[in-house]
Amino acid sequence: MNTTKKFESVWMDNAGTMMLIQTGTLSADQKTLTMTGSMADPVSGKPGKVREVQTSIDENTSRLEMFSTGPDGKEIKTLQIDYTRAK
């Protein structure tokens, strides 16, 4: 977003009925985008913290990782997708 100088994202998929709304920043080397937000837990319905990290590994490879904060306050990795450009 031009006014805040931050990135904004909305994540939806067919595994749940909730939306994840996030805001984040790009690293100085422009290789890592870190987003934070919250969404309702599909079981309890209570809001939970989510962190997403998108990393450019090289010209043809990138990685998306998502982390959720559990009820004990500890963060766990909940998703990892590795992308490779088709040749």
Protein backbone atom coordinates (compact mmCIF):
# COMPACT_ATOMS: atom_id res chain seq x y z
CA MET A 1 0.00 0.00 0.00
CA ASN A 2 1.50 3.32 -1.03
CA THR A 3 0.33 5.27 2.03
CA THR A 4 1.75 2.91 4.67
CA LYS A 5 4.73 1.59 2.66
CA LYS A 6 3.70 -1.94 3.71
CA PHE A 7 2.45 -4.97 1.84
CA GLU A 8 -1.07 -6.28 2.43
CA SER A 9 -2.40 -9.75 1.73
CA VAL A 10 -5.58 -11.81 1.97
CA TRP A 11 -5.32 -15.62 2.02
CA MET A 12 -8.30 -17.90 1.35
CA ASP A 13 -8.39 -21.55 0.41
CA ASN A 14 -10.79 -24.47 0.24
CA ALA A 15 -9.52 -26.04 3.48
CA GLY A 16 -11.43 -23.58 5.67
CA THR A 17 -14.08 -20.90 5.71
CA MET A 18 -11.99 -18.07 7.14
CA MET A 19 -9.83 -15.33 5.61
CA LEU A 20 -6.33 -14.47 6.74
CA ILE A 21 -5.62 -10.74 6.47
CA GLN A 22 -1.96 -9.76 6.83
CA THR A 23 0.39 -6.78 6.69
CA GLY A 24 4.14 -6.96 6.23
CA THR A 25 7.44 -5.61 5.03
CA LEU A 26 10.13 -6.56 2.54
CA SER A 27 13.70 -7.10 3.72
CA ALA A 28 16.43 -4.64 2.71
CA ASP A 29 17.82 -7.13 0.17
CA GLN A 30 14.27 -7.59 -1.22
CA LYS A 31 14.48 -11.38 -0.92
CA THR A 32 12.19 -11.95 2.09
CA LEU A 33 8.66 -10.71 2.61
CA THR A 34 7.41 -11.21 6.19
CA MET A 35 3.68 -10.79 6.84
CA THR A 36 1.74 -10.99 10.12
CA GLY A 37 -1.97 -11.20 10.79
CA SER A 38 -4.68 -13.19 12.47
CA MET A 39 -7.56 -15.45 11.58
CA ALA A 40 -10.12 -17.51 13.43
CA ASP A 41 -9.10 -21.01 14.47
CA PRO A 42 -11.32 -23.45 12.52
CA VAL A 43 -12.04 -25.51 15.64
CA SER A 44 -12.42 -22.99 18.47
CA GLY A 45 -13.41 -19.93 16.41
CA LYS A 46 -10.99 -17.84 18.49
CA PRO A 47 -8.58 -15.51 16.68
CA GLY A 48 -5.02 -16.72 16.36
CA LYS A 49 -1.76 -15.11 15.25
CA VAL A 50 -0.24 -16.09 11.92
CA ARG A 51 3.14 -15.22 10.39
CA GLU A 52 3.98 -15.82 6.73
CA VAL A 53 7.46 -15.69 5.21
CA GLN A 54 8.00 -15.62 1.44
CA THR A 55 11.63 -16.11 0.46
CA SER A 56 13.26 -15.76 -2.95
CA ILE A 57 15.95 -18.42 -2.96
CA ASP A 58 17.25 -17.83 -6.49
CA GLU A 59 15.91 -16.81 -9.92
CA ASN A 60 13.93 -20.04 -10.26
CA THR A 61 13.06 -21.00 -6.69
CA SER A 62 10.99 -19.48 -3.90
CA ARG A 63 9.46 -20.71 -0.65
CA LEU A 64 6.31 -19.84 1.27
CA GLU A 65 6.16 -20.74 4.97
CA MET A 66 3.28 -20.12 7.38
CA PHE A 67 3.52 -20.24 11.16
CA SER A 68 0.69 -20.23 13.71
CA THR A 69 0.87 -19.42 17.40
CA GLY A 70 -0.71 -22.16 19.51
CA PRO A 71 -2.66 -21.79 22.76
CA ASP A 72 0.60 -22.28 24.67
CA GLY A 73 2.07 -19.19 22.93
CA LYS A 74 4.58 -21.23 20.93
CA GLU A 75 4.87 -20.77 17.19
CA ILE A 76 4.69 -23.83 14.92
CA LYS A 77 5.17 -24.18 11.16
CA THR A 78 1.82 -25.07 9.60
CA LEU A 79 2.64 -24.85 5.89
CA GLN A 80 5.57 -24.88 3.51
CA ILE A 81 5.33 -24.63 -0.26
CA ASP A 82 8.43 -24.71 -2.46
CA TYR A 83 8.02 -23.17 -5.91
CA THR A 84 10.25 -23.99 -8.90
CA ARG A 85 9.92 -22.19 -12.24
CA ALA A 86 9.02 -24.55 -15.09
CA LYS A 87 11.60 -24.63 -17.89
